């Protein structure tokens, strides 16, 4: 009995394209019953030998020659808007999309072309879509500071004037942020200046003093009494404790009477007093 080969189809790719091209692919076919043998295996082996011997040559002769093409990857970079009046613009990312440029040399060549384009359009894109960032300048601060690092029993007597000029702090957040940061700077530097340039002088503070007060009542009425005091160290003097106590007593007489008038009640202590009797000259 004689056996014919089974059909064989195998794909081969051209492997001899010229520089700058790639080879296409083509099918090499050995139809059924081209080769015969005493067994099926013998017939199929003859067909397989044909494919192995002629398939690649067939592809190198008949397969397409295709130009080698590479496309760029997406490339991006950051650009800062540079046409703001304030001189401060936002940072924007600009990209050249994937596949915009083709190269018949290499993938690197395609990407290099994309990078050149990114450099050409990047700044213009950032200027077109970006935003101008506003700056806020701090207001000025001026004040008097007293030396606060004197030893016990002395204090800074003469105040030191310190001024922080407008615009000492610039913020890109808000006016409040600029002024807050400037005020902290003002307080810190002002005190440092006072401690460095100020002098310490003997200082005296009042002792605790107090007195009894009655509410001011109409004729024929009177109130109870209440004790009011000024705490120690509320007033100071560069002369003596007595001088500090004199300052404290002046305030005591005012505050004590006000306290009594607010907290005490007037009660009648003369019976059968008429309204007219409350007015006398």
C-alpha atoms as a PDB file:
ATOM      1  CA  UNK A   1       0.000   0.000   0.000  1.00  0.00           C
ATOM      2  CA  UNK A   2       1.240   3.487  -0.895  1.00  0.00           C
ATOM      3  CA  UNK A   3       0.626   6.510   1.417  1.00  0.00           C
ATOM      4  CA  UNK A   4       0.504  10.194   0.430  1.00  0.00           C
ATOM      5  CA  UNK A   5       1.704  13.008   2.712  1.00  0.00           C
ATOM      6  CA  UNK A   6      -0.663  15.197   4.696  1.00  0.00           C
ATOM      7  CA  UNK A   7      -0.775  18.941   3.885  1.00  0.00           C
ATOM      8  CA  UNK A   8       1.766  21.084   5.771  1.00  0.00           C
ATOM      9  CA  UNK A   9       1.503  24.882   6.145  1.00  0.00           C
ATOM     10  CA  UNK A  10       4.230  26.815   7.991  1.00  0.00           C
ATOM     11  CA  UNK A  11       4.893  30.550   8.263  1.00  0.00           C
ATOM     12  CA  UNK A  12       8.331  31.979   7.537  1.00  0.00           C
ATOM     13  CA  UNK A  13       9.614  35.552   7.942  1.00  0.00           C
ATOM     14  CA  UNK A  14      12.005  37.110   5.452  1.00  0.00           C
ATOM     15  CA  UNK A  15      15.428  37.352   7.138  1.00  0.00           C
ATOM     16  CA  UNK A  16      17.338  39.210   4.436  1.00  0.00           C
ATOM     17  CA  UNK A  17      15.781  42.717   4.318  1.00  0.00           C
ATOM     18  CA  UNK A  18      18.088  45.624   3.414  1.00  0.00           C
ATOM     19  CA  UNK A  19      19.147  48.155   6.058  1.00  0.00           C
ATOM     20  CA  UNK A  20      16.268  50.262   7.344  1.00  0.00           C
ATOM     21  CA  UNK A  21      13.655  47.609   6.574  1.00  0.00           C
ATOM     22  CA  UNK A  22      12.153  44.580   8.226  1.00  0.00           C
ATOM     23  CA  UNK A  23      10.968  41.383   6.606  1.00  0.00           C
ATOM     24  CA  UNK A  24       7.354  40.417   6.217  1.00  0.00           C
ATOM     25  CA  UNK A  25       5.949  36.917   6.719  1.00  0.00           C
ATOM     26  CA  UNK A  26       4.506  34.400   4.263  1.00  0.00           C
ATOM     27  CA  UNK A  27       3.101  30.856   4.408  1.00  0.00           C
ATOM     28  CA  UNK A  28       4.973  27.997   2.714  1.00  0.00           C
ATOM     29  CA  UNK A  29       2.586  25.202   1.776  1.00  0.00           C
ATOM     30  CA  UNK A  30       3.170  21.566   0.794  1.00  0.00           C
ATOM     31  CA  UNK A  31      -0.168  20.245  -0.473  1.00  0.00           C
ATOM     32  CA  UNK A  32      -1.381  16.745   0.364  1.00  0.00           C
ATOM     33  CA  UNK A  33      -0.286  13.802  -1.742  1.00  0.00           C
ATOM     34  CA  UNK A  34       2.817  15.431  -3.184  1.00  0.00           C
ATOM     35  CA  UNK A  35       5.127  12.867  -1.562  1.00  0.00           C
ATOM     36  CA  UNK A  36       4.502   9.117  -1.173  1.00  0.00           C
ATOM     37  CA  UNK A  37       5.897   6.304   0.875  1.00  0.00           C
ATOM     38  CA  UNK A  38       5.299   2.823   2.114  1.00  0.00           C
ATOM     39  CA  UNK A  39       4.062   4.315   5.380  1.00  0.00           C
ATOM     40  CA  UNK A  40       2.266   7.522   6.344  1.00  0.00           C
ATOM     41  CA  UNK A  41       5.240   8.575   8.396  1.00  0.00           C
ATOM     42  CA  UNK A  42       7.592   8.201   5.439  1.00  0.00           C
ATOM     43  CA  UNK A  43       5.381  10.347   3.241  1.00  0.00           C
ATOM     44  CA  UNK A  44       4.986  13.044   5.899  1.00  0.00           C
ATOM     45  CA  UNK A  45       8.729  13.106   6.569  1.00  0.00           C
ATOM     46  CA  UNK A  46       9.389  13.799   2.882  1.00  0.00           C
ATOM     47  CA  UNK A  47       6.957  16.726   3.016  1.00  0.00           C
ATOM     48  CA  UNK A  48       8.623  17.996   6.233  1.00  0.00           C
ATOM     49  CA  UNK A  49      12.023  17.816   4.542  1.00  0.00           C
ATOM     50  CA  UNK A  50      10.624  19.949   1.710  1.00  0.00           C
ATOM     51  CA  UNK A  51       9.421  22.614   4.180  1.00  0.00           C
ATOM     52  CA  UNK A  52      12.738  22.689   6.012  1.00  0.00           C
ATOM     53  CA  UNK A  53      14.743  22.884   2.803  1.00  0.00           C
ATOM     54  CA  UNK A  54      12.680  25.470   0.928  1.00  0.00           C
ATOM     55  CA  UNK A  55      10.507  27.453   3.376  1.00  0.00           C
ATOM     56  CA  UNK A  56      13.017  30.133   4.330  1.00  0.00           C
ATOM     57  CA  UNK A  57      14.196  30.612   0.743  1.00  0.00           C
ATOM     58  CA  UNK A  58      10.582  31.033  -0.303  1.00  0.00           C
ATOM     59  CA  UNK A  59      10.058  33.751   2.337  1.00  0.00           C
ATOM     60  CA  UNK A  60      13.283  35.508   1.371  1.00  0.00           C
ATOM     61  CA  UNK A  61      12.025  35.596  -2.207  1.00  0.00           C
ATOM     62  CA  UNK A  62       8.326  36.378  -1.855  1.00  0.00           C
ATOM     63  CA  UNK A  63       7.707  37.960   1.577  1.00  0.00           C
ATOM     64  CA  UNK A  64       7.255  41.733   1.761  1.00  0.00           C
ATOM     65  CA  UNK A  65      10.055  44.167   2.526  1.00  0.00           C
ATOM     66  CA  UNK A  66       8.666  46.651   5.088  1.00  0.00           C
ATOM     67  CA  UNK A  67      10.311  49.926   6.112  1.00  0.00           C
ATOM     68  CA  UNK A  68      11.492  49.735   9.755  1.00  0.00           C
ATOM     69  CA  UNK A  69       9.411  52.274  11.783  1.00  0.00           C
ATOM     70  CA  UNK A  70       9.702  53.423  15.394  1.00  0.00           C
ATOM     71  CA  UNK A  71       7.285  55.764  17.174  1.00  0.00           C
ATOM     72  CA  UNK A  72       8.042  58.006  20.128  1.00  0.00           C
ATOM     73  CA  UNK A  73       6.908  57.331  23.675  1.00  0.00           C
ATOM     74  CA  UNK A  74       5.001  60.038  25.564  1.00  0.00           C
ATOM     75  CA  UNK A  75       7.500  62.593  26.854  1.00  0.00           C
ATOM     76  CA  UNK A  76       6.713  65.266  29.479  1.00  0.00           C
ATOM     77  CA  UNK A  77       8.449  68.065  31.333  1.00  0.00           C
ATOM     78  CA  UNK A  78       7.522  70.913  33.717  1.00  0.00           C
ATOM     79  CA  UNK A  79       7.550  74.566  32.686  1.00  0.00           C
ATOM     80  CA  UNK A  80       6.928  77.682  34.808  1.00  0.00           C
ATOM     81  CA  UNK A  81       4.668  80.400  33.403  1.00  0.00           C
ATOM     82  CA  UNK A  82       7.037  83.320  32.824  1.00  0.00           C
ATOM     83  CA  UNK A  83       4.843  86.153  31.539  1.00  0.00           C
ATOM     84  CA  UNK A  84       3.300  87.280  34.853  1.00  0.00           C
ATOM     85  CA  UNK A  85       3.498  90.906  35.972  1.00  0.00           C
ATOM     86  CA  UNK A  86       4.270  89.684  39.492  1.00  0.00           C
ATOM     87  CA  UNK A  87       7.117  87.620  38.075  1.00  0.00           C
ATOM     88  CA  UNK A  88       5.753  84.481  39.689  1.00  0.00           C
ATOM     89  CA  UNK A  89       3.819  81.915  37.659  1.00  0.00           C
ATOM     90  CA  UNK A  90       2.459  78.449  38.242  1.00  0.00           C
ATOM     91  CA  UNK A  91       4.336  75.279  37.326  1.00  0.00           C
ATOM     92  CA  UNK A  92       2.667  73.316  34.517  1.00  0.00           C
ATOM     93  CA  UNK A  93       3.344  69.870  33.032  1.00  0.00           C
ATOM     94  CA  UNK A  94       3.440  69.785  29.228  1.00  0.00           C
ATOM     95  CA  UNK A  95       3.540  66.533  27.217  1.00  0.00           C
ATOM     96  CA  UNK A  96       4.041  65.343  23.644  1.00  0.00           C
ATOM     97  CA  UNK A  97       1.701  62.402  23.105  1.00  0.00           C
ATOM     98  CA  UNK A  98       2.841  58.894  22.242  1.00  0.00           C
ATOM     99  CA  UNK A  99       3.225  58.089  18.538  1.00  0.00           C
ATOM    100  CA  UNK A 100       3.357  61.679  17.277  1.00  0.00           C
ATOM    101  CA  UNK A 101       6.816  61.256  15.728  1.00  0.00           C
ATOM    102  CA  UNK A 102       8.136  58.437  13.556  1.00  0.00           C
ATOM    103  CA  UNK A 103      11.713  57.354  12.903  1.00  0.00           C
ATOM    104  CA  UNK A 104      13.207  54.926  10.449  1.00  0.00           C
ATOM    105  CA  UNK A 105      16.424  54.882  12.462  1.00  0.00           C
ATOM    106  CA  UNK A 106      15.590  53.902  16.057  1.00  0.00           C
ATOM    107  CA  UNK A 107      13.208  54.347  18.995  1.00  0.00           C
ATOM    108  CA  UNK A 108      15.715  56.789  20.531  1.00  0.00           C
ATOM    109  CA  UNK A 109      15.625  58.890  17.389  1.00  0.00           C
ATOM    110  CA  UNK A 110      11.808  59.074  17.592  1.00  0.00           C
ATOM    111  CA  UNK A 111      11.967  60.092  21.248  1.00  0.00           C
ATOM    112  CA  UNK A 112      14.641  62.690  20.510  1.00  0.00           C
ATOM    113  CA  UNK A 113      12.330  64.260  17.943  1.00  0.00           C
ATOM    114  CA  UNK A 114       9.564  64.372  20.555  1.00  0.00           C
ATOM    115  CA  UNK A 115      11.886  66.055  23.069  1.00  0.00           C
ATOM    116  CA  UNK A 116      12.835  68.726  20.521  1.00  0.00           C
ATOM    117  CA  UNK A 117       9.135  69.415  19.961  1.00  0.00           C
ATOM    118  CA  UNK A 118       8.520  69.555  23.722  1.00  0.00           C
ATOM    119  CA  UNK A 119      11.233  72.179  24.047  1.00  0.00           C
ATOM    120  CA  UNK A 120       9.674  74.181  21.237  1.00  0.00           C
ATOM    121  CA  UNK A 121       6.091  74.226  22.550  1.00  0.00           C
ATOM    122  CA  UNK A 122       6.558  73.788  26.311  1.00  0.00           C
ATOM    123  CA  UNK A 123       6.962  77.398  27.428  1.00  0.00           C
ATOM    124  CA  UNK A 124       4.144  78.623  25.230  1.00  0.00           C
ATOM    125  CA  UNK A 125       1.788  75.955  26.572  1.00  0.00           C
ATOM    126  CA  UNK A 126       2.680  76.840  30.180  1.00  0.00           C
ATOM    127  CA  UNK A 127       2.117  80.547  29.503  1.00  0.00           C
ATOM    128  CA  UNK A 128      -1.246  79.793  27.893  1.00  0.00           C
ATOM    129  CA  UNK A 129      -2.723  77.493  30.551  1.00  0.00           C
ATOM    130  CA  UNK A 130      -0.825  78.550  33.692  1.00  0.00           C
ATOM    131  CA  UNK A 131      -1.840  81.054  36.347  1.00  0.00           C
ATOM    132  CA  UNK A 132      -0.041  84.030  37.865  1.00  0.00           C
ATOM    133  CA  UNK A 133       0.647  83.637  41.569  1.00  0.00           C
ATOM    134  CA  UNK A 134      -0.039  86.746  43.621  1.00  0.00           C
ATOM    135  CA  UNK A 135       2.294  87.838  46.410  1.00  0.00           C
ATOM    136  CA  UNK A 136       1.230  89.666  49.556  1.00  0.00           C
ATOM    137  CA  UNK A 137       3.611  92.032  51.358  1.00  0.00           C
ATOM    138  CA  UNK A 138       3.305  92.489  55.122  1.00  0.00           C
ATOM    139  CA  UNK A 139       2.253  95.798  56.684  1.00  0.00           C
ATOM    140  CA  UNK A 140       4.700  97.796  58.843  1.00  0.00           C
ATOM    141  CA  UNK A 141       4.863  97.365  62.620  1.00  0.00           C
ATOM    142  CA  UNK A 142       6.234  99.846  65.149  1.00  0.00           C
ATOM    143  CA  UNK A 143       6.349  99.628  68.933  1.00  0.00           C
ATOM    144  CA  UNK A 144       8.261 100.151  72.163  1.00  0.00           C
ATOM    145  CA  UNK A 145       9.978  97.252  73.895  1.00  0.00           C
ATOM    146  CA  UNK A 146      11.445  97.047  77.380  1.00  0.00           C
ATOM    147  CA  UNK A 147      14.381  94.980  78.480  1.00  0.00           C
ATOM    148  CA  UNK A 148      12.993  91.850  80.137  1.00  0.00           C
ATOM    149  CA  UNK A 149      16.096  89.949  81.151  1.00  0.00           C
ATOM    150  CA  UNK A 150      17.048  92.102  84.154  1.00  0.00           C
ATOM    151  CA  UNK A 151      17.920  90.508  87.497  1.00  0.00           C
ATOM    152  CA  UNK A 152      15.432  90.499  90.361  1.00  0.00           C
ATOM    153  CA  UNK A 153      14.692  93.967  91.788  1.00  0.00           C
ATOM    154  CA  UNK A 154      15.485  95.751  88.526  1.00  0.00           C
ATOM    155  CA  UNK A 155      13.664  96.289  85.258  1.00  0.00           C
ATOM    156  CA  UNK A 156      14.041  98.000  81.917  1.00  0.00           C
ATOM    157  CA  UNK A 157      13.029 101.609  82.469  1.00  0.00           C
ATOM    158  CA  UNK A 158      13.667 103.218  79.097  1.00  0.00           C
ATOM    159  CA  UNK A 159      11.731 101.793  76.159  1.00  0.00           C
ATOM    160  CA  UNK A 160      13.499 100.915  72.925  1.00  0.00           C
ATOM    161  CA  UNK A 161      11.638 101.755  69.712  1.00  0.00           C
ATOM    162  CA  UNK A 162      11.694  99.058  67.056  1.00  0.00           C
ATOM    163  CA  UNK A 163      10.136  99.231  63.598  1.00  0.00           C
ATOM    164  CA  UNK A 164       9.649  96.451  61.069  1.00  0.00           C
ATOM    165  CA  UNK A 165       9.199  98.000  57.611  1.00  0.00           C
ATOM    166  CA  UNK A 166       6.438  97.145  55.180  1.00  0.00           C
ATOM    167  CA  UNK A 167       7.214  94.159  52.979  1.00  0.00           C
ATOM    168  CA  UNK A 168       9.581  92.539  55.468  1.00  0.00           C
ATOM    169  CA  UNK A 169       7.688  89.303  54.864  1.00  0.00           C
ATOM    170  CA  UNK A 170       6.249  88.153  51.523  1.00  0.00           C
ATOM    171  CA  UNK A 171       3.606  85.427  51.382  1.00  0.00           C
ATOM    172  CA  UNK A 172       2.113  83.595  48.419  1.00  0.00           C
ATOM    173  CA  UNK A 173      -0.801  82.409  50.602  1.00  0.00           C
ATOM    174  CA  UNK A 174      -2.663  85.520  51.830  1.00  0.00           C
ATOM    175  CA  UNK A 175      -2.348  88.989  53.366  1.00  0.00           C
ATOM    176  CA  UNK A 176      -3.215  87.539  56.769  1.00  0.00           C
ATOM    177  CA  UNK A 177      -0.406  85.011  56.451  1.00  0.00           C
ATOM    178  CA  UNK A 178       2.095  87.735  55.530  1.00  0.00           C
ATOM    179  CA  UNK A 179       1.021  89.977  58.442  1.00  0.00           C
ATOM    180  CA  UNK A 180       0.975  87.108  60.942  1.00  0.00           C
ATOM    181  CA  UNK A 181       4.497  86.020  60.054  1.00  0.00           C
ATOM    182  CA  UNK A 182       5.675  89.658  60.100  1.00  0.00           C
ATOM    183  CA  UNK A 183       4.148  90.271  63.541  1.00  0.00           C
ATOM    184  CA  UNK A 184       5.959  87.244  64.970  1.00  0.00           C
ATOM    185  CA  UNK A 185       9.185  88.532  63.458  1.00  0.00           C
ATOM    186  CA  UNK A 186       8.480  92.016  64.854  1.00  0.00           C
ATOM    187  CA  UNK A 187       7.874  90.741  68.404  1.00  0.00           C
ATOM    188  CA  UNK A 188      10.958  88.532  68.389  1.00  0.00           C
ATOM    189  CA  UNK A 189      13.359  91.060  66.921  1.00  0.00           C
ATOM    190  CA  UNK A 190      11.934  93.965  68.948  1.00  0.00           C
ATOM    191  CA  UNK A 191      12.487  92.168  72.236  1.00  0.00           C
ATOM    192  CA  UNK A 192      15.961  91.086  71.166  1.00  0.00           C
ATOM    193  CA  UNK A 193      16.809  94.710  70.369  1.00  0.00           C
ATOM    194  CA  UNK A 194      15.489  95.909  73.748  1.00  0.00           C
ATOM    195  CA  UNK A 195      17.460  93.260  75.617  1.00  0.00           C
ATOM    196  CA  UNK A 196      20.616  94.126  73.711  1.00  0.00           C
ATOM    197  CA  UNK A 197      20.382  97.934  73.932  1.00  0.00           C
ATOM    198  CA  UNK A 198      18.258  98.609  77.033  1.00  0.00           C
ATOM    199  CA  UNK A 199      19.520  99.118  80.602  1.00  0.00           C
ATOM    200  CA  UNK A 200      18.263  97.839  83.957  1.00  0.00           C
ATOM    201  CA  UNK A 201      17.207 100.193  86.763  1.00  0.00           C
ATOM    202  CA  UNK A 202      16.040  99.537  90.352  1.00  0.00           C
ATOM    203  CA  UNK A 203      12.268  99.144  90.465  1.00  0.00           C
ATOM    204  CA  UNK A 204       9.792  99.208  93.361  1.00  0.00           C
ATOM    205  CA  UNK A 205       6.322  97.667  93.504  1.00  0.00           C
ATOM    206  CA  UNK A 206       3.342  98.428  95.682  1.00  0.00           C
ATOM    207  CA  UNK A 207       2.401  96.250  98.606  1.00  0.00           C
ATOM    208  CA  UNK A 208      -1.152  94.997  99.110  1.00  0.00           C
ATOM    209  CA  UNK A 209      -3.349  97.856 100.324  1.00  0.00           C
ATOM    210  CA  UNK A 210      -7.074  98.030 101.043  1.00  0.00           C
ATOM    211  CA  UNK A 211      -9.850  99.963 102.768  1.00  0.00           C
ATOM    212  CA  UNK A 212     -13.541  99.833 103.719  1.00  0.00           C
ATOM    213  CA  UNK A 213     -16.118 101.474 101.476  1.00  0.00           C
ATOM    214  CA  UNK A 214     -19.809 102.352 101.747  1.00  0.00           C
ATOM    215  CA  UNK A 215     -22.298 102.886  98.967  1.00  0.00           C
ATOM    216  CA  UNK A 216     -23.179 106.546  98.345  1.00  0.00           C
ATOM    217  CA  UNK A 217     -26.848 106.725  99.481  1.00  0.00           C
ATOM    218  CA  UNK A 218     -29.519 109.508  99.593  1.00  0.00           C
ATOM    219  CA  UNK A 219     -30.135 111.407 102.829  1.00  0.00           C
ATOM    220  CA  UNK A 220     -31.792 109.164 105.423  1.00  0.00           C
ATOM    221  CA  UNK A 221     -30.371 105.971 103.886  1.00  0.00           C
ATOM    222  CA  UNK A 222     -27.186 104.106 104.475  1.00  0.00           C
ATOM    223  CA  UNK A 223     -25.485 100.873 103.360  1.00  0.00           C
ATOM    224  CA  UNK A 224     -23.237  98.306 104.858  1.00  0.00           C
ATOM    225  CA  UNK A 225     -19.484  98.304 104.320  1.00  0.00           C
ATOM    226  CA  UNK A 226     -17.324  96.244 101.999  1.00  0.00           C
ATOM    227  CA  UNK A 227     -13.558  95.756 101.936  1.00  0.00           C
ATOM    228  CA  UNK A 228     -11.740  96.303  98.665  1.00  0.00           C
ATOM    229  CA  UNK A 229      -8.001  95.860  98.048  1.00  0.00           C
ATOM    230  CA  UNK A 230      -5.304  96.378  95.438  1.00  0.00           C
ATOM    231  CA  UNK A 231      -3.011  93.376  95.044  1.00  0.00           C
ATOM    232  CA  UNK A 232       0.735  93.701  95.496  1.00  0.00           C
ATOM    233  CA  UNK A 233       2.959  94.379  92.481  1.00  0.00           C
ATOM    234  CA  UNK A 234       0.214  95.946  90.406  1.00  0.00           C
ATOM    235  CA  UNK A 235       1.989  99.325  90.292  1.00  0.00           C
ATOM    236  CA  UNK A 236       5.652 100.068  90.030  1.00  0.00           C
ATOM    237  CA  UNK A 237       7.813 103.060  90.750  1.00  0.00           C
ATOM    238  CA  UNK A 238      11.340 104.048  89.928  1.00  0.00           C
ATOM    239  CA  UNK A 239      11.449 106.115  93.172  1.00  0.00           C
ATOM    240  CA  UNK A 240      10.315 104.011  96.158  1.00  0.00           C
ATOM    241  CA  UNK A 241       7.761 101.553  97.524  1.00  0.00           C
ATOM    242  CA  UNK A 242       5.932 104.500  99.058  1.00  0.00           C
ATOM    243  CA  UNK A 243       5.568 106.097  95.645  1.00  0.00           C
ATOM    244  CA  UNK A 244       4.222 102.850  94.195  1.00  0.00           C
ATOM    245  CA  UNK A 245       1.775 102.573  97.118  1.00  0.00           C
ATOM    246  CA  UNK A 246       0.629 106.163  96.519  1.00  0.00           C
ATOM    247  CA  UNK A 247      -0.226 105.248  92.921  1.00  0.00           C
ATOM    248  CA  UNK A 248      -2.049 102.179  94.164  1.00  0.00           C
ATOM    249  CA  UNK A 249      -4.057 104.199  96.744  1.00  0.00           C
ATOM    250  CA  UNK A 250      -5.247 106.662  94.094  1.00  0.00           C
ATOM    251  CA  UNK A 251      -6.711 103.783  92.126  1.00  0.00           C
ATOM    252  CA  UNK A 252      -7.997 102.099  95.281  1.00  0.00           C
ATOM    253  CA  UNK A 253     -10.171 105.084  96.164  1.00  0.00           C
ATOM    254  CA  UNK A 254     -11.792 105.069  92.729  1.00  0.00           C
ATOM    255  CA  UNK A 255     -12.205 101.328  92.242  1.00  0.00           C
ATOM    256  CA  UNK A 256     -13.232 100.715  95.849  1.00  0.00           C
ATOM    257  CA  UNK A 257     -16.064 103.233  95.677  1.00  0.00           C
ATOM    258  CA  UNK A 258     -17.245 101.857  92.347  1.00  0.00           C
ATOM    259  CA  UNK A 259     -17.245  98.347  93.788  1.00  0.00           C
ATOM    260  CA  UNK A 260     -19.294  99.444  96.805  1.00  0.00           C
ATOM    261  CA  UNK A 261     -21.810 101.325  94.675  1.00  0.00           C
ATOM    262  CA  UNK A 262     -22.350  98.258  92.495  1.00  0.00           C
ATOM    263  CA  UNK A 263     -22.507  95.596  95.195  1.00  0.00           C
ATOM    264  CA  UNK A 264     -24.184  97.211  98.227  1.00  0.00           C
ATOM    265  CA  UNK A 265     -27.825  98.257  98.826  1.00  0.00           C
ATOM    266  CA  UNK A 266     -29.073 101.445 100.547  1.00  0.00           C
ATOM    267  CA  UNK A 267     -31.406 100.936 103.521  1.00  0.00           C
ATOM    268  CA  UNK A 268     -33.583 103.585 105.294  1.00  0.00           C
ATOM    269  CA  UNK A 269     -32.268 104.481 108.716  1.00  0.00           C
ATOM    270  CA  UNK A 270     -34.400 107.582 109.505  1.00  0.00           C
ATOM    271  CA  UNK A 271     -38.122 106.819 109.860  1.00  0.00           C
ATOM    272  CA  UNK A 272     -40.905 109.002 108.365  1.00  0.00           C
ATOM    273  CA  UNK A 273     -38.546 110.848 106.047  1.00  0.00           C
ATOM    274  CA  UNK A 274     -40.329 112.654 103.234  1.00  0.00           C
ATOM    275  CA  UNK A 275     -39.179 112.947  99.700  1.00  0.00           C
ATOM    276  CA  UNK A 276     -38.727 116.706 100.140  1.00  0.00           C
ATOM    277  CA  UNK A 277     -36.527 116.092 103.129  1.00  0.00           C
ATOM    278  CA  UNK A 278     -34.006 114.352 100.881  1.00  0.00           C
ATOM    279  CA  UNK A 279     -33.253 117.656  99.192  1.00  0.00           C
ATOM    280  CA  UNK A 280     -31.498 120.255 101.294  1.00  0.00           C
ATOM    281  CA  UNK A 281     -29.143 123.166 100.788  1.00  0.00           C
END
